[in-house]
């Protein structure tokens, strides 16, 4: 289980808790984690995001700021991507807006305007050179990173990794030199 707080056997519904990390969570966070695992049991072919959304919907309105607490819980769990958090934040805003929160409606409009598409969310892209401090945020991971930036941020994204054009040229040169010696 590593650092995951819980898992579920989707055939039997048996919930397995990780005692090394379980006690680090608040009561609300534990309820969210259990609801997330229930989401996997209810929809065994669903994604992590589907289970997250199931938990968010199940806990919505159960206590003050439940939607914000749900997102905060996910943010506390290791290995959650920025893309997943942003997608769930957007979904939580939609739920909040449906419950009559006008401020949430305004945030949805700002969120959608910021990313120009209703289904595209920002993604944190890992740099291939391991420079995590300078990770890049792009709205479409298949597109080229913003042109006109320095060699550290001007490149392409492949398989979730960022490759600068400088590194690509150096790699091609190295391959060419190795092949030409044969």
Protein backbone atom coordinates (compact mmCIF):
# COMPACT_ATOMS: atom_id res chain seq x y z
CA UNK A 1 0.00 0.00 0.00
CA UNK A 2 2.96 2.30 0.39
CA UNK A 3 1.70 5.74 1.39
CA UNK A 4 -1.92 5.17 0.31
CA UNK A 5 -4.26 5.42 3.29
CA UNK A 6 -6.67 2.69 2.12
CA UNK A 7 -7.70 0.35 -0.66
CA UNK A 8 -10.70 -1.83 -1.39
CA UNK A 9 -11.16 -5.28 -2.84
CA UNK A 10 -13.66 -4.51 -5.62
CA UNK A 11 -14.99 -8.08 -5.61
CA UNK A 12 -15.74 -8.42 -1.89
CA UNK A 13 -15.94 -4.82 -0.71
CA UNK A 14 -13.31 -5.49 1.96
CA UNK A 15 -11.74 -2.20 2.98
CA UNK A 16 -8.05 -2.35 3.84
CA UNK A 17 -6.61 0.49 5.93
CA UNK A 18 -2.94 1.39 6.04
CA UNK A 19 -2.18 1.70 9.78
CA UNK A 20 1.08 3.60 9.11
CA UNK A 21 -0.78 6.61 7.67
CA UNK A 22 -4.44 6.22 8.68
CA UNK A 23 -4.16 8.09 11.98
CA UNK A 24 -2.67 11.15 10.23
CA UNK A 25 -6.11 12.01 8.83
CA UNK A 26 -9.02 13.89 10.45
CA UNK A 27 -12.46 12.32 10.84
CA UNK A 28 -13.73 14.12 7.72
CA UNK A 29 -10.66 13.05 5.74
CA UNK A 30 -11.16 9.43 6.85
CA UNK A 31 -14.81 9.61 5.76
CA UNK A 32 -13.71 10.98 2.39
CA UNK A 33 -11.14 8.20 1.94
CA UNK A 34 -13.74 5.56 2.83
CA UNK A 35 -16.23 7.12 0.39
CA UNK A 36 -13.52 7.17 -2.29
CA UNK A 37 -12.90 3.44 -1.79
CA UNK A 38 -16.68 2.86 -1.82
CA UNK A 39 -16.66 4.61 -5.19
CA UNK A 40 -14.19 2.00 -6.47
CA UNK A 41 -16.47 -0.77 -5.16
CA UNK A 42 -19.64 0.72 -6.68
CA UNK A 43 -17.90 1.31 -10.02
CA UNK A 44 -14.98 -1.19 -10.22
CA UNK A 45 -14.15 -0.16 -13.80
CA UNK A 46 -14.02 3.53 -12.93
CA UNK A 47 -10.97 5.71 -12.64
CA UNK A 48 -9.45 7.34 -9.58
CA UNK A 49 -11.20 10.54 -10.65
CA UNK A 50 -14.55 8.72 -10.75
CA UNK A 51 -13.98 7.48 -7.19
CA UNK A 52 -12.96 10.99 -6.11
CA UNK A 53 -16.11 12.47 -7.63
CA UNK A 54 -18.25 9.79 -5.97
CA UNK A 55 -16.76 10.74 -2.59
CA UNK A 56 -17.15 14.48 -3.21
CA UNK A 57 -20.82 14.04 -4.14
CA UNK A 58 -21.47 11.72 -1.19
CA UNK A 59 -19.97 14.15 1.35
CA UNK A 60 -21.27 17.38 -0.23
CA UNK A 61 -23.29 19.31 2.35
CA UNK A 62 -22.62 16.89 5.21
CA UNK A 63 -20.82 19.63 7.14
CA UNK A 64 -19.72 23.22 6.54
CA UNK A 65 -17.11 23.60 3.80
CA UNK A 66 -17.38 19.90 2.91
CA UNK A 67 -16.44 20.50 -0.73
CA UNK A 68 -13.33 22.49 0.21
CA UNK A 69 -12.43 19.84 2.78
CA UNK A 70 -12.80 17.13 0.11
CA UNK A 71 -10.32 18.89 -2.19
CA UNK A 72 -7.97 19.52 0.76
CA UNK A 73 -8.12 15.81 1.61
CA UNK A 74 -7.09 14.86 -1.90
CA UNK A 75 -4.28 17.39 -1.81
CA UNK A 76 -2.98 15.73 1.37
CA UNK A 77 -2.82 12.27 -0.21
CA UNK A 78 0.52 11.45 -1.89
CA UNK A 79 0.75 11.01 -5.66
CA UNK A 80 -2.24 13.18 -6.57
CA UNK A 81 -1.53 15.12 -9.76
CA UNK A 82 -2.27 18.80 -10.22
CA UNK A 83 -4.48 17.89 -13.19
CA UNK A 84 -6.59 15.58 -11.02
CA UNK A 85 -6.92 18.21 -8.28
CA UNK A 86 -7.90 20.91 -10.77
CA UNK A 87 -10.50 18.68 -12.43
CA UNK A 88 -12.01 17.82 -9.04
CA UNK A 89 -11.93 21.46 -7.92
CA UNK A 90 -13.91 22.29 -11.05
CA UNK A 91 -16.40 19.49 -10.33
CA UNK A 92 -16.73 20.65 -6.70
CA UNK A 93 -17.47 24.17 -7.93
CA UNK A 94 -20.22 22.79 -10.19
CA UNK A 95 -21.77 20.94 -7.24
CA UNK A 96 -21.52 24.06 -5.08
CA UNK A 97 -23.14 26.14 -7.83
CA UNK A 98 -25.99 23.61 -8.15
CA UNK A 99 -26.54 23.99 -4.41
CA UNK A 100 -27.14 27.71 -5.02
CA UNK A 101 -23.73 29.24 -4.30
CA UNK A 102 -23.45 32.22 -6.66
CA UNK A 103 -19.79 32.75 -5.75
CA UNK A 104 -19.10 29.22 -7.06
CA UNK A 105 -20.83 30.13 -10.35
CA UNK A 106 -18.49 33.12 -10.73
CA UNK A 107 -15.46 30.94 -9.97
CA UNK A 108 -16.57 28.43 -12.62
CA UNK A 109 -16.74 31.20 -15.22
CA UNK A 110 -13.27 32.42 -14.26
CA UNK A 111 -11.92 28.87 -14.29
CA UNK A 112 -13.37 28.19 -17.74
CA UNK A 113 -12.22 31.53 -19.12
CA UNK A 114 -8.71 30.97 -17.78
CA UNK A 115 -8.33 27.70 -19.66
CA UNK A 116 -10.49 28.57 -22.70
CA UNK A 117 -12.09 25.13 -22.81
CA UNK A 118 -14.59 23.51 -20.49
CA UNK A 119 -12.76 20.17 -20.43
CA UNK A 120 -9.10 21.17 -20.53
CA UNK A 121 -7.38 21.63 -17.23
CA UNK A 122 -3.84 22.72 -16.44
CA UNK A 123 -1.26 20.03 -16.12
CA UNK A 124 2.01 20.06 -14.27
CA UNK A 125 4.56 18.50 -16.59
CA UNK A 126 7.65 16.84 -15.16
CA UNK A 127 10.93 17.92 -16.70
CA UNK A 128 12.92 15.07 -18.25
CA UNK A 129 16.11 16.42 -16.70
CA UNK A 130 14.71 15.97 -13.18
CA UNK A 131 14.55 19.73 -12.46
CA UNK A 132 11.32 19.52 -10.42
CA UNK A 133 11.59 23.07 -9.12
CA UNK A 134 11.00 24.37 -12.64
CA UNK A 135 8.10 22.11 -13.63
CA UNK A 136 6.00 23.62 -16.36
CA UNK A 137 2.27 24.22 -16.37
CA UNK A 138 0.60 23.73 -19.75
CA UNK A 139 -3.10 23.64 -20.55
CA UNK A 140 -2.74 20.95 -23.21
CA UNK A 141 0.00 18.40 -22.53
CA UNK A 142 0.06 17.40 -26.23
CA UNK A 143 0.83 20.90 -27.40
CA UNK A 144 4.17 22.66 -27.60
CA UNK A 145 5.14 24.64 -24.55
CA UNK A 146 4.86 28.40 -24.95
CA UNK A 147 7.24 29.58 -27.69
CA UNK A 148 9.70 32.39 -27.16
CA UNK A 149 10.80 31.26 -23.71
CA UNK A 150 14.32 30.31 -22.68
CA UNK A 151 15.80 26.90 -23.47
CA UNK A 152 14.74 25.72 -20.01
CA UNK A 153 11.05 26.23 -20.85
CA UNK A 154 10.94 26.06 -24.64
CA UNK A 155 10.39 22.53 -25.85
CA UNK A 156 7.80 19.79 -26.19
CA UNK A 157 5.92 17.44 -23.90
CA UNK A 158 6.10 13.71 -24.62
CA UNK A 159 4.58 11.11 -22.35
CA UNK A 160 4.18 13.60 -19.53
CA UNK A 161 7.85 14.64 -19.67
CA UNK A 162 9.19 17.97 -20.88
CA UNK A 163 12.09 17.95 -23.33
CA UNK A 164 13.81 21.23 -24.19
CA UNK A 165 14.70 21.78 -27.83
CA UNK A 166 18.32 22.19 -26.77
CA UNK A 167 18.33 18.69 -25.21
CA UNK A 168 16.65 17.21 -28.29
CA UNK A 169 19.27 18.75 -30.61
CA UNK A 170 22.11 17.53 -28.38
CA UNK A 171 20.64 14.02 -28.28
CA UNK A 172 20.21 13.93 -32.07
CA UNK A 173 23.79 15.16 -32.53
CA UNK A 174 25.07 12.45 -30.18
CA UNK A 175 23.13 9.74 -32.04
CA UNK A 176 24.41 11.03 -35.37
CA UNK A 177 28.02 11.01 -34.11
CA UNK A 178 27.72 7.46 -32.74
CA UNK A 179 26.16 6.17 -35.97
CA UNK A 180 28.71 7.91 -38.20
CA UNK A 181 31.61 6.14 -36.41
CA UNK A 182 30.29 2.73 -37.47
